[in-house]
Amino acid sequence: MPAAARHIDLAPHCSLSPRGAVVFFGAVCAGTFGVAGVVTVLGFWPVLPFAGAEMLLLGWALKANMARRFETESIDISETEIVIEYARGTPQRVVFPRHWARVKIRRPKSPLHRGQLVIESHGRAVEVGKFLTEEERRQLAAELRRLVGGMNQSPALPSPCSPDQFS
């Protein structure tokens, strides 16, 4: 593998620590089951199963958020190739020839969905920056287009000591 002229690391912003998640979940459970217990004693027992279902849903959402903390993506761009390594569960690595690769933002099929930033070549495509905001995704796309160029183009790469706003 040629030495990377440009390296970009991407990771989701997860400000909630595991300890903070446990404290938050415990506090919400205590409040919810406290109120549900009082109204159950007053005879409104159907509240209790709904409170339990709400806490199960909240617990599932917190667990999914905590698991997302470990997602990472790295993009190495050299004169000849683009190497994308990402860990969504199992680590994977995809290599594209830089000369034939292109960067695209796919429009969402619905206004409720987000656009997809993909790097593609030879019929293969890899989505990058899934966890970025729309504005961050557009900035990353502009940076990648500057580095990768269009299909059948290979613009000169900047010096490796230039700062990277995404890492």
Protein backbone atom coordinates (compact mmCIF):
# COMPACT_ATOMS: atom_id res chain seq x y z
CA MET A 1 0.00 0.00 0.00
CA PRO A 2 1.38 3.41 -0.91
CA ALA A 3 1.90 5.92 1.88
CA ALA A 4 -1.23 7.98 2.49
CA ALA A 5 -0.89 11.61 1.53
CA ARG A 6 -4.05 12.49 3.40
CA HIS A 7 -5.73 10.75 6.35
CA ILE A 8 -9.22 11.54 7.65
CA ASP A 9 -10.64 9.98 10.84
CA LEU A 10 -14.38 10.10 11.48
CA ALA A 11 -16.17 9.19 14.70
CA PRO A 12 -19.65 10.00 16.02
CA HIS A 13 -20.02 12.63 18.67
CA CYS A 14 -21.29 10.80 21.76
CA SER A 15 -21.16 13.11 24.73
CA LEU A 16 -22.97 10.72 27.09
CA SER A 17 -20.58 8.44 28.98
CA PRO A 18 -21.62 4.90 30.02
CA ARG A 19 -21.75 6.02 33.65
CA GLY A 20 -23.85 9.03 32.68
CA ALA A 21 -26.21 6.75 30.76
CA VAL A 22 -26.66 4.49 33.79
CA VAL A 23 -27.31 7.46 36.09
CA PHE A 24 -29.75 8.99 33.59
CA PHE A 25 -31.59 5.68 33.09
CA GLY A 26 -31.79 5.05 36.84
CA ALA A 27 -33.14 8.53 37.54
CA VAL A 28 -35.79 8.28 34.81
CA CYS A 29 -36.79 4.78 35.97
CA ALA A 30 -37.08 5.94 39.59
CA GLY A 31 -39.30 8.87 38.63
CA THR A 32 -41.45 6.91 36.20
CA PHE A 33 -41.97 3.88 38.42
CA GLY A 34 -42.53 6.14 41.44
CA VAL A 35 -45.41 7.91 39.72
CA ALA A 36 -46.68 4.65 38.20
CA GLY A 37 -46.60 2.99 41.62
CA VAL A 38 -48.63 5.78 43.23
CA VAL A 39 -51.32 5.75 40.54
CA THR A 40 -51.39 1.93 40.62
CA VAL A 41 -52.14 2.06 44.36
CA LEU A 42 -54.94 4.55 43.58
CA GLY A 43 -56.50 1.96 41.27
CA PHE A 44 -55.16 2.97 37.88
CA TRP A 45 -53.18 -0.24 37.42
CA PRO A 46 -52.99 -0.09 33.56
CA VAL A 47 -50.40 2.68 33.93
CA LEU A 48 -47.78 0.26 35.25
CA PRO A 49 -47.34 -1.89 32.09
CA PHE A 50 -47.06 1.25 29.95
CA ALA A 51 -44.42 2.66 32.29
CA GLY A 52 -42.50 -0.63 31.99
CA ALA A 53 -42.77 -0.54 28.20
CA GLU A 54 -41.50 3.05 28.12
CA MET A 55 -38.50 2.15 30.25
CA LEU A 56 -37.71 -0.88 28.06
CA LEU A 57 -37.78 1.37 25.00
CA LEU A 58 -35.58 3.97 26.70
CA GLY A 59 -33.13 1.26 27.78
CA TRP A 60 -32.95 -0.11 24.25
CA ALA A 61 -32.33 3.40 22.84
CA LEU A 62 -29.56 4.10 25.35
CA LYS A 63 -27.92 0.75 24.62
CA ALA A 64 -28.01 1.44 20.87
CA ASN A 65 -26.53 4.90 21.46
CA MET A 66 -23.75 3.47 23.62
CA ALA A 67 -22.91 0.83 20.99
CA ARG A 68 -22.66 3.56 18.35
CA ARG A 69 -19.80 5.16 20.27
CA PHE A 70 -17.41 2.56 18.87
CA GLU A 71 -18.16 3.22 15.20
CA THR A 72 -15.16 4.68 13.45
CA GLU A 73 -14.21 5.38 9.87
CA SER A 74 -10.85 6.29 8.43
CA ILE A 75 -10.12 7.39 4.90
CA ASP A 76 -6.56 7.31 3.52
CA ILE A 77 -6.01 8.98 0.19
CA SER A 78 -2.75 8.40 -1.63
CA GLU A 79 -1.64 9.19 -5.17
CA THR A 80 -3.00 5.87 -6.46
CA GLU A 81 -5.75 4.66 -4.14
CA ILE A 82 -8.39 5.45 -1.55
CA VAL A 83 -8.54 3.13 1.44
CA ILE A 84 -11.67 3.22 3.59
CA GLU A 85 -11.64 1.33 6.87
CA TYR A 86 -14.71 1.26 9.05
CA ALA A 87 -15.90 -0.63 12.08
CA ARG A 88 -19.66 -1.10 12.27
CA GLY A 89 -19.65 -4.35 14.15
CA THR A 90 -16.82 -6.11 12.33
CA PRO A 91 -13.92 -4.07 10.90
CA GLN A 92 -13.95 -3.81 7.11
CA ARG A 93 -11.59 -2.37 4.53
CA VAL A 94 -12.38 -1.20 1.00
CA VAL A 95 -9.82 0.00 -1.53
CA PHE A 96 -10.71 2.09 -4.59
CA PRO A 97 -8.33 3.24 -7.34
CA ARG A 98 -8.17 7.01 -6.89
CA HIS A 99 -8.14 7.73 -10.61
CA TRP A 100 -11.53 6.04 -11.14
CA ALA A 101 -13.25 6.90 -7.88
CA ARG A 102 -15.80 9.63 -7.42
CA VAL A 103 -17.54 11.22 -4.48
CA LYS A 104 -21.30 11.65 -4.58
CA ILE A 105 -24.04 12.80 -2.28
CA ARG A 106 -27.11 10.72 -3.03
CA ARG A 107 -30.36 12.53 -2.49
CA PRO A 108 -32.77 10.91 -0.07
CA LYS A 109 -35.86 9.24 -1.49
CA SER A 110 -37.97 10.93 1.16
CA PRO A 111 -37.64 14.36 2.82
CA LEU A 112 -37.60 12.53 6.16
CA HIS A 113 -34.36 10.70 5.33
CA ARG A 114 -30.85 12.08 5.10
CA GLY A 115 -28.64 12.16 2.03
CA GLN A 116 -25.83 9.62 1.67
CA LEU A 117 -22.20 10.53 1.06
CA VAL A 118 -20.65 7.70 -0.94
CA ILE A 119 -17.32 7.00 -2.57
CA GLU A 120 -17.77 4.72 -5.55
CA SER A 121 -15.84 3.08 -8.32
CA HIS A 122 -16.30 0.09 -10.62
CA GLY A 123 -19.87 -0.56 -9.48
CA ARG A 124 -19.00 -0.62 -5.78
CA ALA A 125 -19.94 2.11 -3.33
CA VAL A 126 -19.20 2.74 0.33
CA GLU A 127 -21.15 5.21 2.43
CA VAL A 128 -18.99 7.36 4.68
CA GLY A 129 -19.94 9.82 7.40
CA LYS A 130 -23.28 8.21 8.27
CA PHE A 131 -23.21 9.81 11.69
CA LEU A 132 -22.31 13.33 10.54
CA THR A 133 -24.80 16.15 10.36
CA GLU A 134 -25.96 17.27 6.93
CA GLU A 135 -23.67 20.31 7.03
CA GLU A 136 -20.66 18.24 8.14
CA ARG A 137 -21.43 15.71 5.41
CA ARG A 138 -21.45 18.46 2.75
CA GLN A 139 -18.13 19.83 4.07
CA LEU A 140 -16.58 16.36 4.00
CA ALA A 141 -17.91 15.80 0.47
CA ALA A 142 -16.32 19.06 -0.70
CA GLU A 143 -13.00 18.09 0.90
CA LEU A 144 -13.11 14.60 -0.60
CA ARG A 145 -14.02 15.96 -4.05
CA ARG A 146 -11.04 18.32 -3.82
CA LEU A 147 -8.73 15.42 -2.92
CA VAL A 148 -10.19 12.71 -5.16
CA GLY A 149 -11.39 14.75 -8.11
CA GLY A 150 -13.99 13.47 -10.53
CA MET A 151 -13.94 10.18 -12.37
CA ASN A 152 -10.84 9.90 -14.56
CA GLN A 153 -9.15 12.74 -12.66
CA SER A 154 -6.40 12.70 -10.07
CA PRO A 155 -5.71 16.22 -8.79
CA ALA A 156 -2.46 16.89 -6.99
CA LEU A 157 -2.70 16.11 -3.29
CA PRO A 158 -1.91 18.82 -0.72
CA SER A 159 1.10 18.48 1.51
CA PRO A 160 0.54 15.94 4.32
CA CYS A 161 1.17 18.51 7.07
CA SER A 162 -1.96 20.58 6.32
CA PRO A 163 -4.55 20.47 9.15
CA ASP A 164 -7.61 18.24 8.89
CA GLN A 165 -10.88 19.59 10.26
CA PHE A 166 -12.54 16.15 10.50
CA SER A 167 -9.93 14.35 12.58
